[in-house]
PDB file of N, CA and C in Angstrom:
ATOM      1  N   MET A   1     117.742 134.003-204.960  1.00  0.00           N
ATOM      2  CA  MET A   1     118.233 132.719-205.902  1.00  0.00           C
ATOM      3  C   MET A   1     118.558 133.136-207.183  1.00  0.00           C
ATOM      4  N   GLU A   2     119.775 132.382-207.673  1.00  0.00           N
ATOM      5  CA  GLU A   2     120.455 132.622-208.903  1.00  0.00           C
ATOM      6  C   GLU A   2     120.353 131.570-209.741  1.00  0.00           C
ATOM      7  N   ILE A   3     120.080 132.070-211.163  1.00  0.00           N
ATOM      8  CA  ILE A   3     120.089 131.033-212.292  1.00  0.00           C
ATOM      9  C   ILE A   3     120.931 131.527-213.309  1.00  0.00           C
ATOM     10  N   LYS A   4     121.494 130.597-213.811  1.00  0.00           N
ATOM     11  CA  LYS A   4     122.297 130.606-215.066  1.00  0.00           C
ATOM     12  C   LYS A   4     121.837 130.000-216.234  1.00  0.00           C
ATOM     13  N   GLY A   5     122.006 130.693-217.723  1.00  0.00           N
ATOM     14  CA  GLY A   5     121.479 130.305-218.610  1.00  0.00           C
ATOM     15  C   GLY A   5     121.682 131.283-219.947  1.00  0.00           C
ATOM     16  N   LYS A   6     121.143 130.915-221.119  1.00  0.00           N
ATOM     17  CA  LYS A   6     121.180 131.750-222.426  1.00  0.00           C
ATOM     18  C   LYS A   6     119.695 132.024-222.512  1.00  0.00           C
ATOM     19  N   ILE A   7     120.146 133.247-222.919  1.00  0.00           N
ATOM     20  CA  ILE A   7     118.337 134.125-223.430  1.00  0.00           C
ATOM     21  C   ILE A   7     118.256 133.375-224.568  1.00  0.00           C
ATOM     22  N   ILE A   8     117.189 132.915-224.883  1.00  0.00           N
ATOM     23  CA  ILE A   8     116.583 132.283-226.169  1.00  0.00           C
ATOM     24  C   ILE A   8     115.580 133.352-226.798  1.00  0.00           C
ATOM     25  N   GLU A   9     115.055 134.183-225.891  1.00  0.00           N
ATOM     26  CA  GLU A   9     113.848 135.189-226.589  1.00  0.00           C
ATOM     27  C   GLU A   9     113.725 136.038-225.625  1.00  0.00           C
ATOM     28  N   LEU A  10     113.380 137.298-226.162  1.00  0.00           N
ATOM     29  CA  LEU A  10     112.921 138.477-225.688  1.00  0.00           C
ATOM     30  C   LEU A  10     111.722 138.856-226.113  1.00  0.00           C
ATOM     31  N   LEU A  11     110.587 138.732-225.260  1.00  0.00           N
ATOM     32  CA  LEU A  11     109.132 139.070-225.473  1.00  0.00           C
ATOM     33  C   LEU A  11     108.955 140.342-225.468  1.00  0.00           C
ATOM     34  N   PRO A  12     107.819 141.061-226.364  1.00  0.00           N
ATOM     35  CA  PRO A  12     107.528 142.498-226.383  1.00  0.00           C
ATOM     36  C   PRO A  12     107.475 143.247-225.096  1.00  0.00           C
ATOM     37  N   GLU A  13     107.850 144.469-224.923  1.00  0.00           N
ATOM     38  CA  GLU A  13     107.830 145.008-223.987  1.00  0.00           C
ATOM     39  C   GLU A  13     106.536 145.555-223.649  1.00  0.00           C
ATOM     40  N   GLN A  14     105.930 145.706-222.485  1.00  0.00           N
ATOM     41  CA  GLN A  14     104.917 145.954-222.167  1.00  0.00           C
ATOM     42  C   GLN A  14     104.898 147.290-221.308  1.00  0.00           C
ATOM     43  N   SER A  15     103.925 148.217-221.440  1.00  0.00           N
ATOM     44  CA  SER A  15     103.865 149.637-220.446  1.00  0.00           C
ATOM     45  C   SER A  15     102.501 149.855-220.429  1.00  0.00           C
ATOM     46  N   GLY A  16     102.186 150.669-219.203  1.00  0.00           N
ATOM     47  CA  GLY A  16     100.814 151.183-219.168  1.00  0.00           C
ATOM     48  C   GLY A  16     100.982 152.335-218.130  1.00  0.00           C
ATOM     49  N   GLN A  17      99.695 152.686-217.476  1.00  0.00           N
ATOM     50  CA  GLN A  17      99.635 153.786-216.649  1.00  0.00           C
ATOM     51  C   GLN A  17      98.758 152.923-215.392  1.00  0.00           C
ATOM     52  N   SER A  18      99.220 153.191-214.386  1.00  0.00           N
ATOM     53  CA  SER A  18      98.428 152.634-212.868  1.00  0.00           C
ATOM     54  C   SER A  18      98.280 153.863-212.143  1.00  0.00           C
ATOM     55  N   ALA A  19      97.529 153.709-211.134  1.00  0.00           N
ATOM     56  CA  ALA A  19      97.012 154.524-209.890  1.00  0.00           C
ATOM     57  C   ALA A  19      98.658 155.140-209.408  1.00  0.00           C
ATOM     58  N   ASN A  20      99.584 154.163-209.343  1.00  0.00           N
ATOM     59  CA  ASN A  20     100.879 154.571-209.033  1.00  0.00           C
ATOM     60  C   ASN A  20     101.829 155.289-209.986  1.00  0.00           C
ATOM     61  N   GLY A  21     101.527 155.321-211.299  1.00  0.00           N
ATOM     62  CA  GLY A  21     101.882 156.140-212.331  1.00  0.00           C
ATOM     63  C   GLY A  21     102.275 155.001-213.572  1.00  0.00           C
ATOM     64  N   TYR A  22     103.325 155.551-214.239  1.00  0.00           N
ATOM     65  CA  TYR A  22     103.642 154.893-215.442  1.00  0.00           C
ATOM     66  C   TYR A  22     104.649 153.871-215.134  1.00  0.00           C
ATOM     67  N   TRP A  23     104.361 152.535-215.901  1.00  0.00           N
ATOM     68  CA  TRP A  23     105.161 151.521-215.710  1.00  0.00           C
ATOM     69  C   TRP A  23     105.687 150.520-217.059  1.00  0.00           C
ATOM     70  N   ARG A  24     106.836 150.102-216.938  1.00  0.00           N
ATOM     71  CA  ARG A  24     107.318 149.215-217.945  1.00  0.00           C
ATOM     72  C   ARG A  24     107.834 147.849-217.533  1.00  0.00           C
ATOM     73  N   LYS A  25     107.560 147.031-218.300  1.00  0.00           N
ATOM     74  CA  LYS A  25     107.913 145.498-218.200  1.00  0.00           C
ATOM     75  C   LYS A  25     108.355 145.116-219.384  1.00  0.00           C
ATOM     76  N   GLN A  26     109.681 144.250-219.131  1.00  0.00           N
ATOM     77  CA  GLN A  26     110.237 143.369-220.122  1.00  0.00           C
ATOM     78  C   GLN A  26     110.207 141.893-219.732  1.00  0.00           C
ATOM     79  N   GLU A  27     109.791 141.021-220.523  1.00  0.00           N
ATOM     80  CA  GLU A  27     110.085 139.607-220.060  1.00  0.00           C
ATOM     81  C   GLU A  27     111.053 138.847-221.065  1.00  0.00           C
ATOM     82  N   TYR A  28     111.894 137.860-220.487  1.00  0.00           N
ATOM     83  CA  TYR A  28     112.790 137.170-221.282  1.00  0.00           C
ATOM     84  C   TYR A  28     112.510 135.885-221.028  1.00  0.00           C
ATOM     85  N   ILE A  29     113.159 134.806-221.930  1.00  0.00           N
ATOM     86  CA  ILE A  29     112.977 133.776-221.707  1.00  0.00           C
ATOM     87  C   ILE A  29     114.518 133.113-221.619  1.00  0.00           C
ATOM     88  N   LEU A  30     114.738 132.568-220.559  1.00  0.00           N
ATOM     89  CA  LEU A  30     116.105 131.812-220.223  1.00  0.00           C
ATOM     90  C   LEU A  30     116.130 130.578-220.456  1.00  0.00           C
ATOM     91  N   GLU A  31     117.020 129.760-220.924  1.00  0.00           N
ATOM     92  CA  GLU A  31     117.168 128.335-220.967  1.00  0.00           C
ATOM     93  C   GLU A  31     118.484 127.929-220.068  1.00  0.00           C
ATOM     94  N   THR A  32     118.040 127.102-219.142  1.00  0.00           N
ATOM     95  CA  THR A  32     119.117 126.751-218.074  1.00  0.00           C
ATOM     96  C   THR A  32     120.103 125.792-218.965  1.00  0.00           C
ATOM     97  N   GLU A  33     121.500 126.087-218.257  1.00  0.00           N
ATOM     98  CA  GLU A  33     122.570 124.903-218.780  1.00  0.00           C
ATOM     99  C   GLU A  33     122.756 123.577-218.041  1.00  0.00           C
ATOM    100  N   SER A  34     122.061 122.662-218.167  1.00  0.00           N
ATOM    101  CA  SER A  34     121.955 121.478-217.509  1.00  0.00           C
ATOM    102  C   SER A  34     121.720 120.403-218.534  1.00  0.00           C
ATOM    103  N   GLN A  35     121.789 118.970-217.818  1.00  0.00           N
ATOM    104  CA  GLN A  35     121.506 117.735-218.609  1.00  0.00           C
ATOM    105  C   GLN A  35     120.175 118.028-218.926  1.00  0.00           C
ATOM    106  N   TYR A  36     119.183 118.474-218.368  1.00  0.00           N
ATOM    107  CA  TYR A  36     117.747 118.634-218.867  1.00  0.00           C
ATOM    108  C   TYR A  36     117.425 120.159-218.379  1.00  0.00           C
ATOM    109  N   PRO A  37     117.768 120.667-219.736  1.00  0.00           N
ATOM    110  CA  PRO A  37     117.540 122.296-219.619  1.00  0.00           C
ATOM    111  C   PRO A  37     115.975 122.556-219.605  1.00  0.00           C
ATOM    112  N   LYS A  38     115.937 123.554-218.593  1.00  0.00           N
ATOM    113  CA  LYS A  38     114.457 124.247-218.290  1.00  0.00           C
ATOM    114  C   LYS A  38     114.588 125.679-218.874  1.00  0.00           C
ATOM    115  N   LYS A  39     113.224 126.083-219.420  1.00  0.00           N
ATOM    116  CA  LYS A  39     113.100 127.197-219.718  1.00  0.00           C
ATOM    117  C   LYS A  39     112.331 128.190-218.661  1.00  0.00           C
ATOM    118  N   ILE A  40     112.869 129.302-218.632  1.00  0.00           N
ATOM    119  CA  ILE A  40     111.872 130.009-217.408  1.00  0.00           C
ATOM    120  C   ILE A  40     111.992 131.638-217.941  1.00  0.00           C
ATOM    121  N   CYS A  41     110.632 131.925-217.811  1.00  0.00           N
ATOM    122  CA  CYS A  41     110.299 133.400-218.203  1.00  0.00           C
ATOM    123  C   CYS A  41     110.561 134.244-216.888  1.00  0.00           C
ATOM    124  N   PHE A  42     111.434 135.355-217.140  1.00  0.00           N
ATOM    125  CA  PHE A  42     111.506 136.218-216.077  1.00  0.00           C
ATOM    126  C   PHE A  42     111.205 137.528-216.277  1.00  0.00           C
ATOM    127  N   ALA A  43     111.226 138.779-215.513  1.00  0.00           N
ATOM    128  CA  ALA A  43     110.649 139.716-216.064  1.00  0.00           C
ATOM    129  C   ALA A  43     111.797 140.759-215.384  1.00  0.00           C
ATOM    130  N   ALA A  44     111.974 142.163-216.185  1.00  0.00           N
ATOM    131  CA  ALA A  44     112.764 143.308-215.587  1.00  0.00           C
ATOM    132  C   ALA A  44     111.755 144.173-215.580  1.00  0.00           C
ATOM    133  N   TRP A  45     111.600 145.271-214.825  1.00  0.00           N
ATOM    134  CA  TRP A  45     110.753 146.330-214.340  1.00  0.00           C
ATOM    135  C   TRP A  45     111.577 147.714-214.603  1.00  0.00           C
ATOM    136  N   GLY A  46     110.626 148.653-215.238  1.00  0.00           N
ATOM    137  CA  GLY A  46     111.316 150.104-215.040  1.00  0.00           C
ATOM    138  C   GLY A  46     112.696 150.136-215.469  1.00  0.00           C
ATOM    139  N   GLU A  47     113.355 151.038-214.853  1.00  0.00           N
ATOM    140  CA  GLU A  47     114.929 151.498-215.315  1.00  0.00           C
ATOM    141  C   GLU A  47     115.513 150.091-215.368  1.00  0.00           C
ATOM    142  N   LYS A  48     115.339 149.023-214.845  1.00  0.00           N
ATOM    143  CA  LYS A  48     116.126 147.897-215.017  1.00  0.00           C
ATOM    144  C   LYS A  48     116.382 147.239-216.226  1.00  0.00           C
ATOM    145  N   ILE A  49     115.250 147.390-216.948  1.00  0.00           N
ATOM    146  CA  ILE A  49     115.443 147.028-218.461  1.00  0.00           C
ATOM    147  C   ILE A  49     116.442 147.666-219.141  1.00  0.00           C
ATOM    148  N   ASP A  50     116.784 148.781-219.008  1.00  0.00           N
ATOM    149  CA  ASP A  50     117.796 149.600-219.822  1.00  0.00           C
ATOM    150  C   ASP A  50     119.200 149.402-219.242  1.00  0.00           C
ATOM    151  N   GLN A  51     119.211 149.026-217.689  1.00  0.00           N
ATOM    152  CA  GLN A  51     120.453 148.941-217.251  1.00  0.00           C
ATOM    153  C   GLN A  51     120.848 147.562-217.288  1.00  0.00           C
ATOM    154  N   PHE A  52     120.096 146.633-217.395  1.00  0.00           N
ATOM    155  CA  PHE A  52     120.468 145.220-217.600  1.00  0.00           C
ATOM    156  C   PHE A  52     120.777 145.045-219.167  1.00  0.00           C
ATOM    157  N   ASN A  53     120.210 145.666-220.031  1.00  0.00           N
ATOM    158  CA  ASN A  53     120.496 145.789-221.561  1.00  0.00           C
ATOM    159  C   ASN A  53     120.735 144.246-221.872  1.00  0.00           C
ATOM    160  N   ILE A  54     119.563 143.328-221.473  1.00  0.00           N
ATOM    161  CA  ILE A  54     119.849 142.060-222.061  1.00  0.00           C
ATOM    162  C   ILE A  54     119.671 141.629-223.434  1.00  0.00           C
ATOM    163  N   LYS A  55     120.467 140.930-224.026  1.00  0.00           N
ATOM    164  CA  LYS A  55     120.399 140.715-225.509  1.00  0.00           C
ATOM    165  C   LYS A  55     120.162 139.151-225.664  1.00  0.00           C
ATOM    166  N   LYS A  56     119.520 138.715-226.943  1.00  0.00           N
ATOM    167  CA  LYS A  56     119.364 137.340-227.091  1.00  0.00           C
ATOM    168  C   LYS A  56     120.741 137.066-227.365  1.00  0.00           C
ATOM    169  N   ASP A  57     120.672 135.321-227.104  1.00  0.00           N
ATOM    170  CA  ASP A  57     121.803 134.568-227.080  1.00  0.00           C
ATOM    171  C   ASP A  57     123.007 134.913-226.162  1.00  0.00           C
ATOM    172  N   GLU A  58     122.750 135.785-225.212  1.00  0.00           N
ATOM    173  CA  GLU A  58     123.591 135.953-224.319  1.00  0.00           C
ATOM    174  C   GLU A  58     123.580 135.078-222.971  1.00  0.00           C
ATOM    175  N   ILE A  59     124.426 134.663-222.541  1.00  0.00           N
ATOM    176  CA  ILE A  59     124.833 133.713-221.311  1.00  0.00           C
ATOM    177  C   ILE A  59     124.881 134.731-220.202  1.00  0.00           C
ATOM    178  N   ILE A  60     123.818 134.629-219.176  1.00  0.00           N
ATOM    179  CA  ILE A  60     124.196 135.343-218.057  1.00  0.00           C
ATOM    180  C   ILE A  60     123.696 134.712-216.757  1.00  0.00           C
ATOM    181  N   GLN A  61     123.718 135.386-215.671  1.00  0.00           N
ATOM    182  CA  GLN A  61     123.409 134.662-214.461  1.00  0.00           C
ATOM    183  C   GLN A  61     122.396 135.898-213.851  1.00  0.00           C
ATOM    184  N   ILE A  62     121.343 135.354-213.521  1.00  0.00           N
ATOM    185  CA  ILE A  62     120.263 136.149-212.899  1.00  0.00           C
ATOM    186  C   ILE A  62     119.998 135.934-211.489  1.00  0.00           C
ATOM    187  N   SER A  63     119.816 137.105-210.621  1.00  0.00           N
ATOM    188  CA  SER A  63     119.216 136.906-209.359  1.00  0.00           C
ATOM    189  C   SER A  63     117.781 137.378-209.273  1.00  0.00           C
ATOM    190  N   ILE A  64     117.102 136.397-208.628  1.00  0.00           N
ATOM    191  CA  ILE A  64     115.579 136.615-208.742  1.00  0.00           C
ATOM    192  C   ILE A  64     114.855 136.731-207.584  1.00  0.00           C
ATOM    193  N   ASP A  65     113.811 137.214-207.355  1.00  0.00           N
ATOM    194  CA  ASP A  65     112.648 136.923-206.384  1.00  0.00           C
ATOM    195  C   ASP A  65     111.660 136.205-207.019  1.00  0.00           C
ATOM    196  N   LEU A  66     110.978 135.449-206.127  1.00  0.00           N
ATOM    197  CA  LEU A  66     109.593 135.021-206.656  1.00  0.00           C
ATOM    198  C   LEU A  66     108.643 135.350-205.781  1.00  0.00           C
ATOM    199  N   GLU A  67     107.609 135.443-206.307  1.00  0.00           N
ATOM    200  CA  GLU A  67     106.400 136.109-205.600  1.00  0.00           C
ATOM    201  C   GLU A  67     105.105 135.738-206.276  1.00  0.00           C
ATOM    202  N   SER A  68     103.908 135.031-205.746  1.00  0.00           N
ATOM    203  CA  SER A  68     102.814 134.457-205.972  1.00  0.00           C
ATOM    204  C   SER A  68     101.806 135.405-205.229  1.00  0.00           C
ATOM    205  N   ARG A  69     100.606 135.529-205.857  1.00  0.00           N
ATOM    206  CA  ARG A  69      99.518 136.172-205.223  1.00  0.00           C
ATOM    207  C   ARG A  69      98.278 135.473-205.975  1.00  0.00           C
ATOM    208  N   GLU A  70      97.251 135.661-205.228  1.00  0.00           N
ATOM    209  CA  GLU A  70      95.959 135.096-205.617  1.00  0.00           C
ATOM    210  C   GLU A  70      95.101 136.109-206.107  1.00  0.00           C
ATOM    211  N   TYR A  71      94.245 135.961-207.365  1.00  0.00           N
ATOM    212  CA  TYR A  71      93.208 136.572-207.825  1.00  0.00           C
ATOM    213  C   TYR A  71      92.139 135.686-208.602  1.00  0.00           C
ATOM    214  N   ASN A  72      90.907 135.987-207.921  1.00  0.00           N
ATOM    215  CA  ASN A  72      89.726 135.222-208.293  1.00  0.00           C
ATOM    216  C   ASN A  72      89.952 133.940-208.081  1.00  0.00           C
ATOM    217  N   GLY A  73      90.577 133.285-207.086  1.00  0.00           N
ATOM    218  CA  GLY A  73      90.494 131.959-206.779  1.00  0.00           C
ATOM    219  C   GLY A  73      91.746 131.304-207.623  1.00  0.00           C
ATOM    220  N   ARG A  74      92.799 132.046-208.412  1.00  0.00           N
ATOM    221  CA  ARG A  74      93.806 131.437-209.029  1.00  0.00           C
ATOM    222  C   ARG A  74      94.964 132.168-208.560  1.00  0.00           C
ATOM    223  N   TRP A  75      96.316 131.343-208.608  1.00  0.00           N
ATOM    224  CA  TRP A  75      97.298 131.964-208.130  1.00  0.00           C
ATOM    225  C   TRP A  75      98.407 132.192-209.280  1.00  0.00           C
ATOM    226  N   TYR A  76      99.053 133.181-209.193  1.00  0.00           N
ATOM    227  CA  TYR A  76      99.956 133.885-210.180  1.00  0.00           C
ATOM    228  C   TYR A  76     101.198 134.141-209.528  1.00  0.00           C
ATOM    229  N   THR A  77     102.373 133.569-210.359  1.00  0.00           N
ATOM    230  CA  THR A  77     103.667 133.667-209.896  1.00  0.00           C
ATOM    231  C   THR A  77     104.513 134.625-210.754  1.00  0.00           C
ATOM    232  N   ASP A  78     105.231 135.677-210.179  1.00  0.00           N
ATOM    233  CA  ASP A  78     106.152 136.493-210.743  1.00  0.00           C
ATOM    234  C   ASP A  78     107.690 135.974-210.660  1.00  0.00           C
ATOM    235  N   VAL A  79     108.268 136.021-211.673  1.00  0.00           N
ATOM    236  CA  VAL A  79     109.884 135.891-211.323  1.00  0.00           C
ATOM    237  C   VAL A  79     110.467 137.305-211.867  1.00  0.00           C
ATOM    238  N   LYS A  80     110.977 137.967-210.736  1.00  0.00           N
ATOM    239  CA  LYS A  80     111.605 139.248-211.026  1.00  0.00           C
ATOM    240  C   LYS A  80     113.251 139.118-210.724  1.00  0.00           C
ATOM    241  N   ALA A  81     113.783 139.745-211.988  1.00  0.00           N
ATOM    242  CA  ALA A  81     115.031 139.699-211.881  1.00  0.00           C
ATOM    243  C   ALA A  81     115.342 141.068-210.997  1.00  0.00           C
ATOM    244  N   TRP A  82     116.549 141.162-210.249  1.00  0.00           N
ATOM    245  CA  TRP A  82     116.954 141.983-209.600  1.00  0.00           C
ATOM    246  C   TRP A  82     118.486 142.428-209.654  1.00  0.00           C
ATOM    247  N   LYS A  83     119.085 141.317-210.232  1.00  0.00           N
ATOM    248  CA  LYS A  83     120.895 141.819-210.725  1.00  0.00           C
ATOM    249  C   LYS A  83     120.785 140.469-211.793  1.00  0.00           C
ATOM    250  N   VAL A  84     121.897 141.155-212.803  1.00  0.00           N
ATOM    251  CA  VAL A  84     122.050 140.493-213.731  1.00  0.00           C
ATOM    252  C   VAL A  84     123.782 140.474-214.030  1.00  0.00           C
ATOM    253  N   SER A  85     124.376 139.134-214.136  1.00  0.00           N
ATOM    254  CA  SER A  85     125.846 139.224-214.178  1.00  0.00           C
ATOM    255  C   SER A  85     126.199 138.481-215.421  1.00  0.00           C
ATOM    256  N   ARG A  86     127.459 139.049-215.975  1.00  0.00           N
ATOM    257  CA  ARG A  86     128.032 138.467-217.143  1.00  0.00           C
ATOM    258  C   ARG A  86     129.464 138.028-216.795  1.00  0.00           C
ATOM    259  N   ASN A  87     129.471 136.715-216.880  1.00  0.00           N
ATOM    260  CA  ASN A  87     131.047 136.462-216.633  1.00  0.00           C
ATOM    261  C   ASN A  87     131.599 136.743-215.248  1.00  0.00           C
ATOM    262  N   GLY A  88     130.508 136.711-214.279  1.00  0.00           N
ATOM    263  CA  GLY A  88     130.866 136.948-212.950  1.00  0.00           C
ATOM    264  C   GLY A  88     130.775 138.396-212.454  1.00  0.00           C
ATOM    265  N   VAL A  89     130.417 139.539-213.362  1.00  0.00           N
ATOM    266  CA  VAL A  89     130.560 140.818-212.955  1.00  0.00           C
ATOM    267  C   VAL A  89     129.152 141.128-213.229  1.00  0.00           C
ATOM    268  N   GLY A  90     128.635 142.092-212.071  1.00  0.00           N
ATOM    269  CA  GLY A  90     127.446 142.590-212.410  1.00  0.00           C
ATOM    270  C   GLY A  90     126.897 143.513-213.379  1.00  0.00           C
ATOM    271  N   ALA A  91     126.043 143.559-214.031  1.00  0.00           N
ATOM    272  CA  ALA A  91     125.419 144.168-215.140  1.00  0.00           C
ATOM    273  C   ALA A  91     125.556 145.688-215.063  1.00  0.00           C
ATOM    274  N   GLU A  92     126.359 146.454-215.744  1.00  0.00           N
ATOM    275  CA  GLU A  92     126.571 148.096-215.785  1.00  0.00           C
ATOM    276  C   GLU A  92     126.731 148.512-214.489  1.00  0.00           C
ATOM    277  N   ASN A  93     127.682 148.908-214.040  1.00  0.00           N
ATOM    278  CA  ASN A  93     127.963 149.307-212.370  1.00  0.00           C
ATOM    279  C   ASN A  93     127.338 148.639-211.506  1.00  0.00           C
ATOM    280  N   ASN A  94     127.110 147.304-211.609  1.00  0.00           N
ATOM    281  CA  ASN A  94     126.595 146.456-210.516  1.00  0.00           C
ATOM    282  C   ASN A  94     125.287 146.931-209.767  1.00  0.00           C
ATOM    283  N   TYR A  95     124.303 147.252-210.699  1.00  0.00           N
ATOM    284  CA  TYR A  95     122.846 147.643-210.422  1.00  0.00           C
ATOM    285  C   TYR A  95     122.341 146.353-209.347  1.00  0.00           C
ATOM    286  N   GLU A  96     121.917 146.904-208.184  1.00  0.00           N
ATOM    287  CA  GLU A  96     121.163 145.805-207.474  1.00  0.00           C
ATOM    288  C   GLU A  96     120.010 146.484-206.761  1.00  0.00           C
ATOM    289  N   THR A  97     118.933 145.825-206.857  1.00  0.00           N
ATOM    290  CA  THR A  97     117.643 146.364-205.999  1.00  0.00           C
ATOM    291  C   THR A  97     117.059 145.419-205.328  1.00  0.00           C
ATOM    292  N   LYS A  98     117.644 144.612-204.472  1.00  0.00           N
ATOM    293  CA  LYS A  98     117.012 143.291-203.702  1.00  0.00           C
ATOM    294  C   LYS A  98     115.925 144.044-202.987  1.00  0.00           C
ATOM    295  N   GLY A  99     114.872 143.809-202.847  1.00  0.00           N
ATOM    296  CA  GLY A  99     113.723 144.169-201.844  1.00  0.00           C
ATOM    297  C   GLY A  99     113.065 145.339-202.424  1.00  0.00           C
ATOM    298  N   GLN A 100     113.337 145.832-203.597  1.00  0.00           N
ATOM    299  CA  GLN A 100     112.501 147.109-203.911  1.00  0.00           C
ATOM    300  C   GLN A 100     111.260 146.879-204.731  1.00  0.00           C
ATOM    301  N   GLU A 101     110.255 147.360-204.737  1.00  0.00           N
ATOM    302  CA  GLU A 101     108.989 147.593-205.216  1.00  0.00           C
ATOM    303  C   GLU A 101     109.456 147.730-207.062  1.00  0.00           C
ATOM    304  N   TYR A 102     109.008 146.632-207.269  1.00  0.00           N
ATOM    305  CA  TYR A 102     109.369 146.849-209.187  1.00  0.00           C
ATOM    306  C   TYR A 102     108.211 147.602-210.011  1.00  0.00           C
ATOM    307  N   SER A 103     107.133 148.001-209.571  1.00  0.00           N
ATOM    308  CA  SER A 103     106.086 148.756-210.328  1.00  0.00           C
ATOM    309  C   SER A 103     106.544 150.351-210.628  1.00  0.00           C
ATOM    310  N   GLY A 104     107.562 150.730-209.898  1.00  0.00           N
ATOM    311  CA  GLY A 104     107.492 152.357-209.897  1.00  0.00           C
ATOM    312  C   GLY A 104     107.063 153.000-208.635  1.00  0.00           C
ATOM    313  N   ALA A 105     106.330 152.205-207.717  1.00  0.00           N
ATOM    314  CA  ALA A 105     105.779 152.662-206.766  1.00  0.00           C
ATOM    315  C   ALA A 105     106.873 152.614-205.562  1.00  0.00           C
ATOM    316  N   SER A 106     106.357 153.052-204.559  1.00  0.00           N
ATOM    317  CA  SER A 106     107.299 153.253-203.360  1.00  0.00           C
ATOM    318  C   SER A 106     108.234 152.350-203.175  1.00  0.00           C
ATOM    319  N   SER A 107     109.250 152.400-202.614  1.00  0.00           N
ATOM    320  CA  SER A 107     110.361 151.235-202.432  1.00  0.00           C
ATOM    321  C   SER A 107     110.375 150.880-201.009  1.00  0.00           C
ATOM    322  N   VAL A 108     110.500 149.547-200.804  1.00  0.00           N
ATOM    323  CA  VAL A 108     110.729 148.890-199.573  1.00  0.00           C
ATOM    324  C   VAL A 108     111.941 148.309-199.380  1.00  0.00           C
ATOM    325  N   HIS A 109     112.805 148.762-198.640  1.00  0.00           N
ATOM    326  CA  HIS A 109     114.292 148.055-198.715  1.00  0.00           C
ATOM    327  C   HIS A 109     114.462 146.988-197.731  1.00  0.00           C
ATOM    328  N   ALA A 110     114.726 145.742-198.272  1.00  0.00           N
ATOM    329  CA  ALA A 110     115.204 144.570-197.437  1.00  0.00           C
ATOM    330  C   ALA A 110     116.722 144.644-197.257  1.00  0.00           C
ATOM    331  N   SER A 111     117.258 143.802-196.146  1.00  0.00           N
ATOM    332  CA  SER A 111     118.399 143.707-195.971  1.00  0.00           C
ATOM    333  C   SER A 111     119.024 143.202-197.042  1.00  0.00           C
ATOM    334  N   ASN A 112     120.464 143.297-197.344  1.00  0.00           N
ATOM    335  CA  ASN A 112     121.148 142.964-198.435  1.00  0.00           C
ATOM    336  C   ASN A 112     121.658 141.547-198.309  1.00  0.00           C
ATOM    337  N   LEU A 113     121.142 140.549-199.034  1.00  0.00           N
ATOM    338  CA  LEU A 113     121.198 139.037-198.744  1.00  0.00           C
ATOM    339  C   LEU A 113     122.654 138.656-199.458  1.00  0.00           C
ATOM    340  N   ASP A 114     123.343 139.518-200.395  1.00  0.00           N
ATOM    341  CA  ASP A 114     124.299 139.169-201.141  1.00  0.00           C
ATOM    342  C   ASP A 114     125.601 139.051-200.450  1.00  0.00           C
ATOM    343  N   ASN A 115     125.716 139.420-199.039  1.00  0.00           N
ATOM    344  CA  ASN A 115     127.065 139.296-198.616  1.00  0.00           C
ATOM    345  C   ASN A 115     127.469 137.998-197.878  1.00  0.00           C
ATOM    346  N   ASP A 116     126.297 137.175-197.658  1.00  0.00           N
ATOM    347  CA  ASP A 116     126.833 135.559-197.177  1.00  0.00           C
ATOM    348  C   ASP A 116     127.675 134.875-197.971  1.00  0.00           C
ATOM    349  N   ASP A 117     128.395 134.010-197.263  1.00  0.00           N
ATOM    350  CA  ASP A 117     129.728 133.467-197.909  1.00  0.00           C
ATOM    351  C   ASP A 117     129.032 131.842-198.372  1.00  0.00           C
ATOM    352  N   MET A 118     127.818 131.623-198.425  1.00  0.00           N
ATOM    353  CA  MET A 118     127.259 130.431-198.589  1.00  0.00           C
ATOM    354  C   MET A 118     127.357 130.054-200.159  1.00  0.00           C
ATOM    355  N   PRO A 119     127.919 128.905-200.321  1.00  0.00           N
ATOM    356  CA  PRO A 119     128.250 128.351-201.748  1.00  0.00           C
ATOM    357  C   PRO A 119     127.072 128.092-202.519  1.00  0.00           C
ATOM    358  N   PHE A 120     125.759 128.252-201.806  1.00  0.00           N
ATOM    359  CA  PHE A 120     124.498 127.729-202.564  1.00  0.00           C
ATOM    360  C   PHE A 120     123.497 128.874-202.422  1.00  0.00           C
TER     361      PHE A 120
END
């Protein structure tokens, strides 16, 4: 899924240690460009934070994965960026990590879905 908009806020970077090792997470607030703009909080994990190098007030297009999980009877949804484009060009050397685990744990590769010619 791709979303285009302006970065209106960078939230404080979070980091920690888990059973799988050290992790980093940076969240951003993107406001869509439409008649009725929406605000979306999305995250970049690990090395993607530095590779994407997202700045406040930038207009970007992000490719995201959505994932929901249940914890104690409540559902939580993550919006994870796996690619950032500026003016139709991928961020810094076209880094793409579609289907990879974001916590720094083992990677699971999925097929690359970027090559379809669908306009939507």
